[in-house]
Protein backbone atom coordinates (compact mmCIF):
# COMPACT_ATOMS: atom_id res chain seq x y z
CA UNK A 1 47.31 122.21 149.26
CA UNK A 2 44.36 125.70 149.15
CA UNK A 3 44.89 127.24 145.30
CA UNK A 4 45.94 130.63 145.53
CA UNK A 5 43.68 133.55 144.24
CA UNK A 6 45.01 134.28 140.52
CA UNK A 7 46.66 137.35 140.07
CA UNK A 8 44.30 138.82 137.36
CA UNK A 9 46.22 141.53 136.33
CA UNK A 10 49.58 139.75 135.92
CA UNK A 11 47.28 137.22 133.74
CA UNK A 12 46.18 139.51 132.11
CA UNK A 13 49.33 141.08 131.02
CA UNK A 14 50.95 137.50 130.23
CA UNK A 15 47.52 136.91 127.86
CA UNK A 16 48.30 140.03 126.24
CA UNK A 17 51.92 139.11 125.74
CA UNK A 18 51.16 135.56 124.53
CA UNK A 19 48.80 137.20 122.06
CA UNK A 20 51.43 139.39 120.53
CA UNK A 21 54.09 136.46 119.91
CA UNK A 22 51.29 135.04 118.29
CA UNK A 23 49.13 132.50 120.45
CA UNK A 24 45.61 133.03 119.10
CA UNK A 25 44.15 129.31 120.26
CA UNK A 26 41.53 130.55 122.64
CA UNK A 27 41.06 126.92 124.47
CA UNK A 28 44.57 127.03 124.90
CA UNK A 29 44.75 130.96 126.20
CA UNK A 30 41.78 130.21 128.57
CA UNK A 31 43.41 127.24 129.66
CA UNK A 32 47.02 129.34 130.98
CA UNK A 33 44.07 131.70 132.61
CA UNK A 34 42.09 129.32 134.33
CA UNK A 35 45.57 127.14 136.03
CA UNK A 36 47.23 128.98 138.47
CA UNK A 37 51.05 129.05 137.65
CA UNK A 38 51.71 130.37 140.97
CA UNK A 39 50.39 126.83 143.12
CA UNK A 40 53.66 124.86 140.80
CA UNK A 41 56.11 126.75 141.93
CA UNK A 42 57.83 127.17 145.45
CA UNK A 43 57.22 130.08 147.36
CA UNK A 44 60.43 132.11 146.81
CA UNK A 45 59.28 132.21 143.18
CA UNK A 46 56.06 132.78 143.43
CA UNK A 47 56.15 136.50 142.88
CA UNK A 48 57.47 136.13 139.80
CA UNK A 49 54.87 133.34 139.32
CA UNK A 50 53.32 135.38 136.10
CA UNK A 51 56.67 136.62 134.55
CA UNK A 52 57.41 134.97 130.64
CA UNK A 53 60.36 132.84 132.39
CA UNK A 54 61.21 129.71 133.34
CA UNK A 55 61.75 128.84 137.18
CA UNK A 56 63.17 126.42 139.56
CA UNK A 57 60.89 123.61 140.69
CA UNK A 58 62.10 120.80 143.10
CA UNK A 59 64.99 118.02 142.07
CA UNK A 60 66.76 120.66 140.66
CA UNK A 61 64.41 121.17 137.68
CA UNK A 62 62.78 124.10 136.11
CA UNK A 63 59.02 124.91 134.89
CA UNK A 64 58.91 126.10 131.55
CA UNK A 65 58.11 129.56 130.80
CA UNK A 66 54.46 130.27 130.05
CA UNK A 67 55.80 131.24 126.41
CA UNK A 68 57.53 128.13 126.01
CA UNK A 69 53.92 125.99 127.36
CA UNK A 70 52.12 127.99 124.79
CA UNK A 71 55.13 127.06 121.67
CA UNK A 72 55.02 123.44 122.46
CA UNK A 73 51.08 122.81 123.58
CA UNK A 74 49.76 124.86 120.16
CA UNK A 75 52.02 122.87 118.31
CA UNK A 76 50.18 119.80 119.47
CA UNK A 77 47.20 121.11 118.57
CA UNK A 78 45.12 119.26 121.39
CA UNK A 79 41.63 118.33 120.68
CA UNK A 80 39.00 117.46 123.40
CA UNK A 81 38.44 113.98 122.65
CA UNK A 82 42.63 113.03 122.69
CA UNK A 83 44.93 111.27 124.52
CA UNK A 84 47.95 112.89 125.02
CA UNK A 85 50.95 111.30 127.06
CA UNK A 86 53.31 113.58 128.36
CA UNK A 87 56.87 112.56 128.73
CA UNK A 88 57.88 115.32 132.11
CA UNK A 89 55.79 115.89 134.64
CA UNK A 90 57.37 118.42 136.35
CA UNK A 91 55.44 120.00 139.01
CA UNK A 92 51.84 119.54 137.00
CA UNK A 93 52.06 122.44 135.62
CA UNK A 94 51.75 121.61 131.53
CA UNK A 95 49.71 118.47 132.65
CA UNK A 96 47.51 120.85 134.10
CA UNK A 97 47.28 122.83 131.15
CA UNK A 98 46.66 119.79 129.12
CA UNK A 99 44.07 118.53 131.12
CA UNK A 100 41.69 121.13 130.21
CA UNK A 101 42.48 120.62 126.74
CA UNK A 102 42.25 116.48 126.44
CA UNK A 103 39.79 114.04 127.94
CA UNK A 104 42.54 112.88 129.53
CA UNK A 105 45.85 113.09 129.91
CA UNK A 106 48.54 110.50 130.92
CA UNK A 107 51.65 112.12 132.61
CA UNK A 108 54.98 110.02 133.62
CA UNK A 109 58.33 111.30 135.43
CA UNK A 110 61.86 110.39 136.53
CA UNK A 111 61.13 111.56 140.33
CA UNK A 112 58.87 110.27 142.90
CA UNK A 113 58.86 113.65 144.77
CA UNK A 114 57.65 115.72 141.84
CA UNK A 115 55.15 112.52 140.97
CA UNK A 116 53.79 113.54 144.70
CA UNK A 117 53.75 117.11 144.31
CA UNK A 118 52.17 117.16 141.08
CA UNK A 119 49.47 114.87 142.20
CA UNK A 120 49.16 116.94 145.61
CA UNK A 121 48.30 119.97 143.25
CA UNK A 122 46.46 118.52 140.69
CA UNK A 123 44.13 117.52 143.22
CA UNK A 124 43.63 120.35 145.01
CA UNK A 125 42.59 122.17 141.89
CA UNK A 126 40.00 119.18 141.33
CA UNK A 127 41.62 118.08 138.19
CA UNK A 128 40.33 114.71 137.48
CA UNK A 129 41.32 113.76 134.12
CA UNK A 130 45.38 113.32 134.72
CA UNK A 131 47.10 110.26 135.24
CA UNK A 132 50.44 110.58 137.00
CA UNK A 133 53.31 107.86 137.13
CA UNK A 134 56.58 107.35 137.96
CA UNK A 135 58.59 106.06 135.08
CA UNK A 136 61.25 106.28 132.33
CA UNK A 137 59.14 108.64 130.21
CA UNK A 138 61.61 108.20 127.16
CA UNK A 139 59.93 104.21 126.93
CA UNK A 140 56.18 105.66 127.41
CA UNK A 141 53.33 103.25 128.99
CA UNK A 142 52.18 101.29 127.06
CA UNK A 143 49.07 100.40 128.82
CA UNK A 144 47.19 103.26 128.26
CA UNK A 145 48.18 103.23 124.57
CA UNK A 146 47.94 104.61 122.01
CA UNK A 147 48.61 108.15 122.74
CA UNK A 148 46.23 110.86 119.90
CA UNK A 149 49.00 113.49 121.87
CA UNK A 150 52.64 112.87 123.09
CA UNK A 151 54.56 116.04 123.86
CA UNK A 152 57.93 115.12 125.39
CA UNK A 153 59.07 118.31 127.55
CA UNK A 154 62.63 118.38 127.49
CA UNK A 155 65.63 117.52 124.76
CA UNK A 156 66.21 114.35 122.89
CA UNK A 157 68.96 113.09 120.21
CA UNK A 158 66.19 111.69 118.73
CA UNK A 159 63.15 110.75 119.11
CA UNK A 160 62.71 107.13 120.82
CA UNK A 161 61.13 104.20 118.85
CA UNK A 162 58.28 103.11 121.93
CA UNK A 163 56.79 106.71 121.68
CA UNK A 164 56.48 106.27 118.30
CA UNK A 165 55.35 103.14 118.58
CA UNK A 166 52.69 104.27 121.02
CA UNK A 167 51.02 106.85 118.71
CA UNK A 168 47.97 106.48 117.19
CA UNK A 169 46.88 106.52 113.72
CA UNK A 170 46.21 110.03 112.55
CA UNK A 171 48.41 111.35 116.17
CA UNK A 172 51.49 113.87 116.49
CA UNK A 173 54.28 113.98 118.68
CA UNK A 174 56.07 116.80 119.51
CA UNK A 175 59.81 117.34 120.74
CA UNK A 176 62.23 119.41 121.00
CA UNK A 177 65.15 117.06 119.11
CA UNK A 178 68.85 117.80 118.93
CA UNK A 179 71.85 118.04 121.51
CA UNK A 180 73.16 121.60 121.38
CA UNK A 181 72.88 124.53 123.69
CA UNK A 182 69.37 125.09 121.12
CA UNK A 183 67.79 122.58 119.85
CA UNK A 184 64.74 122.09 116.95
CA UNK A 185 60.96 121.68 117.92
CA UNK A 186 60.11 118.98 116.25
CA UNK A 187 56.34 117.73 115.65
CA UNK A 188 55.76 113.88 113.64
CA UNK A 189 52.30 113.21 112.34
CA UNK A 190 51.56 109.36 111.63
CA UNK A 191 49.95 108.00 108.87
CA UNK A 192 50.02 104.42 108.98
CA UNK A 193 53.37 103.45 109.17
CA UNK A 194 54.64 106.18 107.46
CA UNK A 195 55.36 109.43 110.25
CA UNK A 196 55.70 113.13 108.95
CA UNK A 197 58.36 115.77 110.68
CA UNK A 198 57.93 119.19 110.65
CA UNK A 199 60.62 121.16 111.79
CA UNK A 200 58.95 124.75 113.76
CA UNK A 201 61.79 126.59 114.80
CA UNK A 202 63.98 126.61 117.68
CA UNK A 203 63.70 126.13 121.42
CA UNK A 204 65.96 125.91 124.42
CA UNK A 205 65.19 122.93 127.01
CA UNK A 206 66.96 120.61 129.09
CA UNK A 207 67.61 117.54 128.11
CA UNK A 208 66.08 114.55 129.72
CA UNK A 209 67.55 111.69 131.30
CA UNK A 210 66.12 108.14 131.19
CA UNK A 211 65.89 105.85 133.77
CA UNK A 212 63.87 105.90 137.25
CA UNK A 213 65.62 108.28 139.56
CA UNK A 214 66.94 106.42 143.13
CA UNK A 215 66.52 109.38 145.00
CA UNK A 216 64.37 111.40 145.46
């Protein structure tokens, strides 16, 4: 797959909007400028790629709106030396953003088709520090643990213990928690055996499903 030439005007307008919403992390804003969102959506939706809205992707899933990506990744506060676990790879857009911020990204999805698509797009962009895995993201992936940061890209009733166990000391996890139409974006930081929870506001995400999809 050949990368699309980014629409510089549309990206600049989106960046200005995010700044107006309070996104000030220059590394994150730069990553959003560098990753062409059009590559991560189907052809029919590419004209809307730089609008601040979620869009359909393969397997009946969606790609988050840029403002949602910025909100969740900002809350994660990724450092350049961090190893990040992303639960919910989707088409790979958020993993590509994280790849510009972290030393290594491990991303998991329950759909084989999405993992294959994400791998193709990351390869086209010459992003080499992302490991894509098929699996139940709610169980994490112990082989690469511990993780300095964990991002749960989907709503959960409660944060799985398995993910907390894989969080490094002084690490942080961000997840939408709740079962209603909207959820609470939660940041959990680890200090030895203690976990500290902070609520960051409301967010709207689809619920994560456990297990690996039998089809797709």
